[in-house]
Amino acid sequence: MGKQLTSRYFEDLHEGAQYIADNHTSFGSRHHLAGGTSLFLYPVREHYIVYEPLTEKSIAVVAVIRQGRDIPTICRSGQHRFGES
């Protein structure tokens, strides 16, 4: 049962990332959660997928962060790793 749950969890994250890539231009930015960075966030299960749009139909996933964490602080502290200037 554990392998099935793990597999479903990763499938959900993958499907979420694909959904974001296909639809991100119609989402709000959630910049209040991104700690003042130019990153975008989208909830999937109990996490946020943190991403940067690349084109109209593609994104770069830069992190997957549990929703209960201090998202703005994590995003701000990781600016140099996320390619922010």
Protein backbone atom coordinates (compact mmCIF):
# COMPACT_ATOMS: atom_id res chain seq x y z
CA MET A 1 0.00 0.00 0.00
CA GLY A 2 2.89 2.42 0.78
CA LYS A 3 4.30 2.21 -2.74
CA GLN A 4 0.89 2.92 -4.24
CA LEU A 5 0.42 6.00 -2.03
CA THR A 6 3.90 7.25 -2.87
CA SER A 7 3.31 6.68 -6.57
CA ARG A 8 -0.03 8.53 -6.44
CA TYR A 9 1.58 11.40 -4.53
CA PHE A 10 4.24 11.89 -7.22
CA GLU A 11 1.66 11.50 -9.98
CA ASP A 12 -0.40 14.27 -8.36
CA LEU A 13 2.63 16.57 -8.23
CA HIS A 14 3.51 15.79 -11.85
CA GLU A 15 -0.07 16.36 -13.00
CA GLY A 16 -0.17 19.58 -10.99
CA ALA A 17 3.01 20.85 -12.63
CA GLN A 18 1.63 19.99 -16.07
CA TYR A 19 -1.63 21.78 -15.25
CA ILE A 20 0.34 24.85 -14.16
CA ALA A 21 2.40 24.80 -17.38
CA ASP A 22 -0.75 24.61 -19.48
CA ASN A 23 -2.74 27.24 -17.56
CA HIS A 24 -0.38 29.53 -15.59
CA THR A 25 -1.22 32.63 -17.62
CA SER A 26 -4.72 32.62 -16.11
CA PHE A 27 -3.60 32.25 -12.45
CA GLY A 28 -3.05 34.90 -9.84
CA SER A 29 0.58 35.27 -8.78
CA ARG A 30 0.29 34.74 -5.00
CA HIS A 31 3.18 37.20 -4.70
CA HIS A 32 2.23 37.79 -1.06
CA LEU A 33 3.35 34.20 -0.45
CA ALA A 34 6.46 34.47 -2.62
CA GLY A 35 8.24 36.82 -0.22
CA GLY A 36 8.48 39.71 -2.67
CA THR A 37 10.26 37.60 -5.27
CA SER A 38 9.10 37.17 -8.86
CA LEU A 39 8.28 33.51 -8.22
CA PHE A 40 4.79 32.08 -8.57
CA LEU A 41 3.06 29.50 -6.40
CA TYR A 42 0.26 27.05 -7.01
CA PRO A 43 -1.23 24.64 -4.43
CA VAL A 44 -1.10 20.91 -5.13
CA ARG A 45 -2.21 18.59 -2.35
CA GLU A 46 -0.60 19.88 0.85
CA HIS A 47 2.23 21.65 -0.97
CA TYR A 48 2.90 24.68 -3.11
CA ILE A 49 4.71 24.20 -6.38
CA VAL A 50 7.01 27.21 -6.70
CA TYR A 51 7.72 28.05 -10.33
CA GLU A 52 8.89 30.59 -12.85
CA PRO A 53 7.05 30.93 -16.16
CA LEU A 54 9.32 30.34 -19.16
CA THR A 55 6.89 30.56 -22.05
CA GLU A 56 3.13 30.60 -22.46
CA LYS A 57 3.02 26.81 -22.05
CA SER A 58 6.11 26.01 -19.98
CA ILE A 59 7.42 26.63 -16.49
CA ALA A 60 10.52 25.85 -14.44
CA VAL A 61 9.63 24.22 -11.13
CA VAL A 62 12.09 25.60 -8.60
CA ALA A 63 10.71 24.05 -5.40
CA VAL A 64 7.92 22.07 -3.81
CA ILE A 65 7.21 23.40 -0.32
CA ARG A 66 4.78 22.09 2.29
CA GLN A 67 1.94 24.58 2.83
CA GLY A 68 2.44 24.77 6.59
CA ARG A 69 5.96 26.17 6.23
CA ASP A 70 6.94 29.86 6.20
CA ILE A 71 6.69 30.17 2.41
CA PRO A 72 7.67 33.88 2.07
CA THR A 73 10.83 33.41 4.16
CA ILE A 74 11.83 30.28 2.26
CA CYS A 75 11.36 32.02 -1.09
CA ARG A 76 13.31 35.11 0.04
CA SER A 77 16.16 33.08 1.48
CA GLY A 78 16.45 31.05 -1.71
CA GLN A 79 16.53 34.02 -4.08
CA HIS A 80 20.09 33.40 -5.20
CA ARG A 81 19.28 29.76 -5.94
CA PHE A 82 16.11 30.65 -7.85
CA GLY A 83 17.90 32.99 -10.24
CA GLU A 84 16.52 36.21 -8.78
CA SER A 85 18.51 39.40 -9.01
